Amino acid sequence: MKKQIMTFILTIVMALGVCGVASAAEQSVLVGYVNVQQVFQSYPDIKTTMSAVDLERQKAQQEFESKAASLDDSGKQALGEKLSQQVAKREQDLMGPIQKKVQKAIATVAKREGINSVVDSSAMLYGGKDLTGDVIAAVVTVSYTHLRAHETP
């Protein structure tokens, strides 16, 4: 009888230990990281997009310089704010779709890899899984497919 009780208790203890290990494994979260700057630098046509943003800034600077001479300080400030807002809107119009594609690629790669959380590589001090190469491949593939879809035969 004592042997059966001891066997029963050992069985319960072992079962709880196995459950505890499984529970601990489920609680460990694999974190991925991405060098977002590298992904953007690898994005097809990013140089063209950035050139367009720079051109917009230059045009705003030229407009400010040509109009500022005839304005008082408050007029200069108002013009500067107006032009800054125009540049920011244009930059968002150009970069927004790219940012969305990059974020979607990050989410797709993370999901495929079974990763729940992704941070920028600059925030990762130790551990984690580098997803940068896979994200770049996903972004380039999506962009290439998008470009091919808009070509005329």
N, C-alpha and C. Protein backbone atom coordinates (compact mmCIF):
# COMPACT_ATOMS: atom_id res chain seq x y z
N MET A 1 0.82 -1.19 0.00
CA MET A 1 0.00 0.00 0.00
C MET A 1 0.86 1.25 0.00
N LYS A 2 1.93 1.26 0.86
CA LYS A 2 2.83 2.39 0.89
C LYS A 2 3.53 2.57 -0.45
N LYS A 3 3.85 1.46 -1.10
CA LYS A 3 4.51 1.52 -2.39
C LYS A 3 3.60 2.17 -3.43
N GLN A 4 2.31 1.85 -3.39
CA GLN A 4 1.35 2.42 -4.33
C GLN A 4 1.18 3.92 -4.09
N ILE A 5 1.14 4.32 -2.83
CA ILE A 5 1.00 5.74 -2.50
C ILE A 5 2.24 6.50 -2.96
N MET A 6 3.42 5.93 -2.69
CA MET A 6 4.66 6.58 -3.11
C MET A 6 4.73 6.69 -4.64
N THR A 7 4.31 5.64 -5.34
CA THR A 7 4.30 5.65 -6.79
C THR A 7 3.33 6.71 -7.29
N PHE A 8 2.16 6.79 -6.66
CA PHE A 8 1.16 7.78 -7.03
C PHE A 8 1.70 9.20 -6.82
N ILE A 9 2.33 9.44 -5.69
CA ILE A 9 2.88 10.77 -5.37
C ILE A 9 4.00 11.12 -6.35
N LEU A 10 4.87 10.15 -6.63
CA LEU A 10 5.95 10.41 -7.58
C LEU A 10 5.40 10.71 -8.97
N THR A 11 4.35 10.00 -9.36
CA THR A 11 3.72 10.23 -10.65
C THR A 11 3.16 11.65 -10.72
N ILE A 12 2.50 12.07 -9.67
CA ILE A 12 1.94 13.43 -9.63
C ILE A 12 3.05 14.47 -9.68
N VAL A 13 4.10 14.27 -8.89
CA VAL A 13 5.22 15.22 -8.87
C VAL A 13 5.86 15.32 -10.25
N MET A 14 6.06 14.18 -10.89
CA MET A 14 6.67 14.19 -12.22
C MET A 14 5.76 14.86 -13.24
N ALA A 15 4.46 14.59 -13.14
CA ALA A 15 3.50 15.21 -14.05
C ALA A 15 3.50 16.73 -13.88
N LEU A 16 3.53 17.19 -12.64
CA LEU A 16 3.57 18.62 -12.38
C LEU A 16 4.87 19.23 -12.89
N GLY A 17 5.96 18.51 -12.75
CA GLY A 17 7.25 19.00 -13.25
C GLY A 17 7.23 19.13 -14.76
N VAL A 18 6.69 18.14 -15.45
CA VAL A 18 6.59 18.20 -16.90
C VAL A 18 5.69 19.35 -17.33
N CYS A 19 4.57 19.54 -16.65
CA CYS A 19 3.68 20.66 -16.96
C CYS A 19 4.37 21.99 -16.72
N GLY A 20 5.16 22.04 -15.66
CA GLY A 20 5.89 23.27 -15.37
C GLY A 20 6.90 23.60 -16.44
N VAL A 21 7.60 22.60 -16.95
CA VAL A 21 8.57 22.81 -18.02
C VAL A 21 7.86 23.24 -19.29
N ALA A 22 6.74 22.60 -19.61
CA ALA A 22 5.99 22.97 -20.80
C ALA A 22 5.46 24.39 -20.66
N SER A 23 4.97 24.73 -19.47
CA SER A 23 4.45 26.07 -19.23
C SER A 23 5.55 27.10 -19.37
N ALA A 24 6.73 26.81 -18.84
CA ALA A 24 7.85 27.74 -18.94
C ALA A 24 8.26 27.92 -20.40
N ALA A 25 8.22 26.84 -21.18
CA ALA A 25 8.58 26.93 -22.59
C ALA A 25 7.58 27.80 -23.35
N GLU A 26 6.31 27.68 -23.01
CA GLU A 26 5.30 28.49 -23.67
C GLU A 26 5.45 29.96 -23.29
N GLN A 27 5.92 30.22 -22.10
CA GLN A 27 6.05 31.60 -21.65
C GLN A 27 7.28 32.28 -22.23
N SER A 28 8.29 31.50 -22.65
CA SER A 28 9.46 32.14 -23.24
C SER A 28 9.06 32.68 -24.61
N VAL A 29 9.33 33.93 -24.81
CA VAL A 29 8.94 34.59 -26.05
C VAL A 29 10.19 34.87 -26.85
N LEU A 30 10.19 34.40 -28.07
CA LEU A 30 11.30 34.68 -28.96
C LEU A 30 11.10 36.07 -29.53
N VAL A 31 12.11 36.89 -29.40
CA VAL A 31 12.05 38.26 -29.90
C VAL A 31 12.90 38.34 -31.15
N GLY A 32 12.36 38.98 -32.15
CA GLY A 32 13.12 39.21 -33.37
C GLY A 32 13.57 40.65 -33.42
N TYR A 33 14.57 40.90 -34.23
CA TYR A 33 15.00 42.28 -34.43
C TYR A 33 15.31 42.50 -35.91
N VAL A 34 15.13 43.76 -36.31
CA VAL A 34 15.33 44.14 -37.70
C VAL A 34 16.12 45.44 -37.72
N ASN A 35 17.10 45.51 -38.58
CA ASN A 35 17.80 46.76 -38.82
C ASN A 35 16.95 47.53 -39.83
N VAL A 36 16.06 48.35 -39.30
CA VAL A 36 15.08 49.05 -40.13
C VAL A 36 15.77 50.00 -41.11
N GLN A 37 16.82 50.65 -40.67
CA GLN A 37 17.56 51.55 -41.55
C GLN A 37 18.11 50.79 -42.76
N GLN A 38 18.65 49.61 -42.52
CA GLN A 38 19.18 48.79 -43.61
C GLN A 38 18.06 48.36 -44.56
N VAL A 39 16.90 48.04 -44.00
CA VAL A 39 15.76 47.65 -44.85
C VAL A 39 15.37 48.82 -45.75
N PHE A 40 15.27 50.02 -45.18
CA PHE A 40 14.91 51.18 -46.00
C PHE A 40 15.98 51.46 -47.06
N GLN A 41 17.25 51.32 -46.72
CA GLN A 41 18.32 51.55 -47.69
C GLN A 41 18.28 50.52 -48.82
N SER A 42 17.76 49.34 -48.54
CA SER A 42 17.67 48.28 -49.54
C SER A 42 16.39 48.36 -50.36
N TYR A 43 15.49 49.23 -49.95
CA TYR A 43 14.19 49.32 -50.63
C TYR A 43 14.40 49.80 -52.07
N PRO A 44 13.79 49.12 -53.03
CA PRO A 44 13.93 49.56 -54.42
C PRO A 44 13.42 51.00 -54.59
N ASP A 45 14.14 51.80 -55.30
CA ASP A 45 13.79 53.18 -55.61
C ASP A 45 13.77 54.10 -54.40
N ILE A 46 14.40 53.71 -53.29
CA ILE A 46 14.42 54.60 -52.12
C ILE A 46 15.23 55.86 -52.44
N LYS A 47 16.27 55.74 -53.25
CA LYS A 47 17.07 56.91 -53.60
C LYS A 47 16.25 57.92 -54.38
N THR A 48 15.40 57.43 -55.27
CA THR A 48 14.53 58.32 -56.03
C THR A 48 13.54 59.02 -55.10
N THR A 49 13.00 58.28 -54.17
CA THR A 49 12.05 58.85 -53.22
C THR A 49 12.72 59.89 -52.34
N MET A 50 13.89 59.57 -51.84
CA MET A 50 14.61 60.52 -50.98
C MET A 50 15.03 61.76 -51.77
N SER A 51 15.37 61.59 -53.04
CA SER A 51 15.71 62.73 -53.89
C SER A 51 14.50 63.65 -54.06
N ALA A 52 13.33 63.05 -54.19
CA ALA A 52 12.11 63.84 -54.32
C ALA A 52 11.84 64.63 -53.03
N VAL A 53 12.08 64.01 -51.90
CA VAL A 53 11.90 64.70 -50.61
C VAL A 53 12.92 65.84 -50.49
N ASP A 54 14.17 65.57 -50.85
CA ASP A 54 15.20 66.61 -50.80
C ASP A 54 14.88 67.77 -51.73
N LEU A 55 14.38 67.46 -52.91
CA LEU A 55 13.98 68.50 -53.86
C LEU A 55 12.87 69.36 -53.27
N GLU A 56 11.93 68.73 -52.61
CA GLU A 56 10.84 69.46 -51.96
C GLU A 56 11.38 70.41 -50.89
N ARG A 57 12.36 69.94 -50.13
CA ARG A 57 12.98 70.78 -49.10
C ARG A 57 13.71 71.97 -49.73
N GLN A 58 14.42 71.70 -50.82
CA GLN A 58 15.15 72.77 -51.50
C GLN A 58 14.20 73.82 -52.05
N LYS A 59 13.10 73.36 -52.64
CA LYS A 59 12.11 74.30 -53.17
C LYS A 59 11.52 75.15 -52.05
N ALA A 60 11.24 74.53 -50.91
CA ALA A 60 10.71 75.26 -49.77
C ALA A 60 11.72 76.28 -49.26
N GLN A 61 12.99 75.89 -49.21
CA GLN A 61 14.05 76.80 -48.77
C GLN A 61 14.15 77.99 -49.72
N GLN A 62 14.10 77.73 -51.02
CA GLN A 62 14.17 78.80 -52.02
C GLN A 62 12.97 79.74 -51.90
N GLU A 63 11.80 79.16 -51.70
CA GLU A 63 10.60 79.99 -51.55
C GLU A 63 10.71 80.86 -50.30
N PHE A 64 11.20 80.26 -49.22
CA PHE A 64 11.36 81.03 -47.99
C PHE A 64 12.34 82.19 -48.20
N GLU A 65 13.46 81.89 -48.82
CA GLU A 65 14.48 82.93 -49.04
C GLU A 65 13.97 84.05 -49.95
N SER A 66 13.16 83.68 -50.95
CA SER A 66 12.67 84.72 -51.86
C SER A 66 11.58 85.59 -51.23
N LYS A 67 10.82 85.05 -50.30
CA LYS A 67 9.71 85.80 -49.70
C LYS A 67 10.07 86.41 -48.34
N ALA A 68 11.06 85.88 -47.67
CA ALA A 68 11.36 86.29 -46.29
C ALA A 68 11.83 87.74 -46.20
N ALA A 69 12.51 88.22 -47.21
CA ALA A 69 13.07 89.57 -47.15
C ALA A 69 11.99 90.64 -46.96
N SER A 70 10.82 90.39 -47.47
CA SER A 70 9.75 91.39 -47.38
C SER A 70 8.82 91.16 -46.18
N LEU A 71 9.17 90.22 -45.31
CA LEU A 71 8.30 89.89 -44.17
C LEU A 71 8.94 90.31 -42.85
N ASP A 72 8.06 90.62 -41.88
CA ASP A 72 8.57 90.86 -40.54
C ASP A 72 8.81 89.50 -39.87
N ASP A 73 9.26 89.52 -38.60
CA ASP A 73 9.61 88.28 -37.91
C ASP A 73 8.44 87.31 -37.80
N SER A 74 7.25 87.83 -37.48
CA SER A 74 6.10 86.93 -37.35
C SER A 74 5.69 86.37 -38.71
N GLY A 75 5.84 87.15 -39.76
CA GLY A 75 5.55 86.68 -41.11
C GLY A 75 6.53 85.60 -41.54
N LYS A 76 7.81 85.81 -41.19
CA LYS A 76 8.83 84.80 -41.51
C LYS A 76 8.53 83.49 -40.78
N GLN A 77 8.13 83.63 -39.51
CA GLN A 77 7.82 82.44 -38.72
C GLN A 77 6.62 81.70 -39.31
N ALA A 78 5.58 82.45 -39.69
CA ALA A 78 4.38 81.83 -40.27
C ALA A 78 4.72 81.15 -41.59
N LEU A 79 5.51 81.82 -42.43
CA LEU A 79 5.91 81.23 -43.71
C LEU A 79 6.75 79.98 -43.48
N GLY A 80 7.69 80.04 -42.55
CA GLY A 80 8.52 78.88 -42.24
C GLY A 80 7.70 77.70 -41.78
N GLU A 81 6.70 77.95 -40.92
CA GLU A 81 5.83 76.87 -40.44
C GLU A 81 5.00 76.29 -41.58
N LYS A 82 4.48 77.17 -42.42
CA LYS A 82 3.65 76.71 -43.56
C LYS A 82 4.48 75.83 -44.49
N LEU A 83 5.68 76.29 -44.82
CA LEU A 83 6.53 75.52 -45.72
C LEU A 83 6.99 74.21 -45.08
N SER A 84 7.28 74.24 -43.78
CA SER A 84 7.67 73.01 -43.08
C SER A 84 6.54 71.99 -43.10
N GLN A 85 5.32 72.45 -42.92
CA GLN A 85 4.17 71.55 -42.97
C GLN A 85 3.99 70.97 -44.37
N GLN A 86 4.21 71.79 -45.39
CA GLN A 86 4.09 71.29 -46.77
C GLN A 86 5.13 70.20 -47.05
N VAL A 87 6.35 70.46 -46.60
CA VAL A 87 7.42 69.48 -46.81
C VAL A 87 7.11 68.19 -46.04
N ALA A 88 6.66 68.33 -44.80
CA ALA A 88 6.34 67.15 -43.99
C ALA A 88 5.22 66.34 -44.63
N LYS A 89 4.22 67.02 -45.18
CA LYS A 89 3.11 66.31 -45.83
C LYS A 89 3.61 65.57 -47.07
N ARG A 90 4.43 66.23 -47.86
CA ARG A 90 4.96 65.60 -49.07
C ARG A 90 5.83 64.39 -48.71
N GLU A 91 6.64 64.55 -47.66
CA GLU A 91 7.48 63.44 -47.21
C GLU A 91 6.62 62.27 -46.75
N GLN A 92 5.56 62.57 -46.02
CA GLN A 92 4.65 61.50 -45.57
C GLN A 92 3.96 60.84 -46.75
N ASP A 93 3.56 61.64 -47.75
CA ASP A 93 2.92 61.08 -48.94
C ASP A 93 3.85 60.12 -49.68
N LEU A 94 5.14 60.47 -49.71
CA LEU A 94 6.10 59.63 -50.42
C LEU A 94 6.59 58.44 -49.59
N MET A 95 6.85 58.69 -48.31
CA MET A 95 7.42 57.65 -47.46
C MET A 95 6.38 56.76 -46.79
N GLY A 96 5.17 57.26 -46.61
CA GLY A 96 4.12 56.50 -45.94
C GLY A 96 3.87 55.12 -46.55
N PRO A 97 3.67 55.05 -47.86
CA PRO A 97 3.45 53.73 -48.46
C PRO A 97 4.64 52.78 -48.29
N ILE A 98 5.85 53.34 -48.34
CA ILE A 98 7.04 52.51 -48.14
C ILE A 98 7.09 52.00 -46.70
N GLN A 99 6.79 52.88 -45.75
CA GLN A 99 6.77 52.46 -44.35
C GLN A 99 5.76 51.36 -44.12
N LYS A 100 4.59 51.48 -44.73
CA LYS A 100 3.56 50.45 -44.58
C LYS A 100 4.03 49.12 -45.16
N LYS A 101 4.69 49.15 -46.31
CA LYS A 101 5.18 47.92 -46.92
C LYS A 101 6.25 47.27 -46.05
N VAL A 102 7.12 48.09 -45.48
CA VAL A 102 8.17 47.55 -44.61
C VAL A 102 7.55 46.94 -43.36
N GLN A 103 6.59 47.63 -42.76
CA GLN A 103 5.93 47.10 -41.57
C GLN A 103 5.19 45.80 -41.88
N LYS A 104 4.55 45.75 -43.03
CA LYS A 104 3.84 44.53 -43.42
C LYS A 104 4.84 43.38 -43.64
N ALA A 105 5.97 43.68 -44.24
CA ALA A 105 6.98 42.65 -44.46
C ALA A 105 7.53 42.14 -43.13
N ILE A 106 7.75 43.05 -42.18
CA ILE A 106 8.23 42.65 -40.85
C ILE A 106 7.21 41.73 -40.19
N ALA A 107 5.94 42.10 -40.25
CA ALA A 107 4.89 41.28 -39.63
C ALA A 107 4.80 39.91 -40.30
N THR A 108 4.90 39.88 -41.61
CA THR A 108 4.81 38.62 -42.35
C THR A 108 5.96 37.69 -41.99
N VAL A 109 7.17 38.22 -41.98
CA VAL A 109 8.34 37.41 -41.66
C VAL A 109 8.27 36.92 -40.21
N ALA A 110 7.90 37.82 -39.30
CA ALA A 110 7.82 37.44 -37.88
C ALA A 110 6.80 36.33 -37.69
N LYS A 111 5.66 36.47 -38.31
CA LYS A 111 4.61 35.45 -38.18
C LYS A 111 5.10 34.11 -38.72
N ARG A 112 5.75 34.16 -39.88
CA ARG A 112 6.27 32.93 -40.49
C ARG A 112 7.30 32.26 -39.58
N GLU A 113 8.08 33.06 -38.86
CA GLU A 113 9.13 32.54 -37.98
C GLU A 113 8.62 32.22 -36.58
N GLY A 114 7.34 32.49 -36.31
CA GLY A 114 6.77 32.22 -35.00
C GLY A 114 7.23 33.20 -33.93
N ILE A 115 7.50 34.41 -34.34
CA ILE A 115 8.01 35.44 -33.43
C ILE A 115 6.88 36.40 -33.09
N ASN A 116 6.72 36.65 -31.79
CA ASN A 116 5.63 37.50 -31.32
C ASN A 116 6.00 38.97 -31.26
N SER A 117 7.26 39.27 -31.03
CA SER A 117 7.69 40.65 -30.84
C SER A 117 8.92 40.93 -31.69
N VAL A 118 8.93 42.13 -32.31
CA VAL A 118 10.06 42.54 -33.12
C VAL A 118 10.44 43.96 -32.72
N VAL A 119 11.74 44.17 -32.53
CA VAL A 119 12.24 45.50 -32.20
C VAL A 119 13.29 45.90 -33.23
N ASP A 120 13.62 47.19 -33.25
CA ASP A 120 14.69 47.65 -34.11
C ASP A 120 16.01 47.11 -33.55
N SER A 121 16.92 46.79 -34.42
CA SER A 121 18.18 46.19 -33.99
C SER A 121 18.95 47.10 -33.04
N SER A 122 18.75 48.39 -33.14
CA SER A 122 19.47 49.31 -32.24
C SER A 122 19.01 49.16 -30.80
N ALA A 123 17.83 48.58 -30.58
CA ALA A 123 17.30 48.39 -29.23
C ALA A 123 17.67 47.03 -28.66
N MET A 124 18.18 46.13 -29.48
CA MET A 124 18.50 44.77 -29.03
C MET A 124 19.92 44.73 -28.49
N LEU A 125 20.04 44.39 -27.23
CA LEU A 125 21.35 44.31 -26.60
C LEU A 125 21.92 42.91 -26.61
N TYR A 126 21.03 41.91 -26.51
CA TYR A 126 21.50 40.54 -26.41
C TYR A 126 20.38 39.60 -26.85
N GLY A 127 20.77 38.55 -27.54
CA GLY A 127 19.82 37.51 -27.92
C GLY A 127 18.93 37.93 -29.08
N GLY A 128 17.81 37.25 -29.18
CA GLY A 128 16.87 37.54 -30.25
C GLY A 128 17.29 36.91 -31.57
N LYS A 129 16.45 37.07 -32.55
CA LYS A 129 16.70 36.49 -33.87
C LYS A 129 16.70 37.62 -34.89
N ASP A 130 17.74 37.69 -35.69
CA ASP A 130 17.87 38.72 -36.72
C ASP A 130 16.99 38.37 -37.91
N LEU A 131 16.03 39.23 -38.21
CA LEU A 131 15.11 39.01 -39.32
C LEU A 131 15.40 39.93 -40.50
N THR A 132 16.45 40.73 -40.40
CA THR A 132 16.72 41.77 -41.38
C THR A 132 16.80 41.23 -42.81
N GLY A 133 17.58 40.20 -43.03
CA GLY A 133 17.74 39.65 -44.38
C GLY A 133 16.44 39.15 -44.96
N ASP A 134 15.64 38.46 -44.14
CA ASP A 134 14.35 37.94 -44.61
C ASP A 134 13.39 39.09 -44.93
N VAL A 135 13.43 40.15 -44.12
CA VAL A 135 12.55 41.30 -44.36
C VAL A 135 12.96 42.01 -45.65
N ILE A 136 14.26 42.18 -45.85
CA ILE A 136 14.73 42.80 -47.10
C ILE A 136 14.28 41.98 -48.29
N ALA A 137 14.43 40.68 -48.21
CA ALA A 137 13.99 39.80 -49.31
C ALA A 137 12.50 39.94 -49.56
N ALA A 138 11.72 40.02 -48.49
CA ALA A 138 10.26 40.16 -48.63
C ALA A 138 9.90 41.50 -49.25
N VAL A 139 10.56 42.56 -48.83
CA VAL A 139 10.27 43.90 -49.35
C VAL A 139 10.65 43.99 -50.83
N VAL A 140 11.81 43.46 -51.18
CA VAL A 140 12.26 43.50 -52.57
C VAL A 140 11.33 42.67 -53.44
N THR A 141 10.92 41.52 -52.96
CA THR A 141 10.02 40.65 -53.72
C THR A 141 8.66 41.33 -53.93
N VAL A 142 8.11 41.90 -52.88
CA VAL A 142 6.82 42.59 -52.98
C VAL A 142 6.92 43.75 -53.95
N SER A 143 7.99 44.54 -53.86
CA SER A 143 8.16 45.70 -54.73
C SER A 143 8.34 45.27 -56.17
N TYR A 144 9.14 44.23 -56.39
CA TYR A 144 9.36 43.73 -57.73
C TYR A 144 8.06 43.22 -58.34
N THR A 145 7.30 42.46 -57.55
CA THR A 145 6.01 41.93 -58.02
C THR A 145 5.06 43.08 -58.34
N HIS A 146 5.06 44.11 -57.49
CA HIS A 146 4.19 45.28 -57.70
C HIS A 146 4.59 45.99 -59.00
N LEU A 147 5.88 46.16 -59.23
CA LEU A 147 6.34 46.82 -60.45
C LEU A 147 5.99 46.00 -61.67
N ARG A 148 6.17 44.70 -61.61
CA ARG A 148 5.88 43.83 -62.76
C ARG A 148 4.39 43.86 -63.09
N ALA A 149 3.55 43.98 -62.07
CA ALA A 149 2.09 43.99 -62.28
C ALA A 149 1.66 45.24 -63.04
N HIS A 150 2.44 46.33 -62.94
CA HIS A 150 2.07 47.59 -63.59
C HIS A 150 2.75 47.80 -64.94
N GLU A 151 3.53 46.82 -65.36
CA GLU A 151 4.15 46.93 -66.69
C GLU A 151 3.13 46.61 -67.76
N THR A 152 3.27 47.27 -68.90
CA THR A 152 2.37 46.96 -70.02
C THR A 152 3.05 45.95 -70.92
N PRO A 153 2.31 44.96 -71.39
CA PRO A 153 2.91 43.90 -72.22
C PRO A 153 3.30 44.38 -73.58
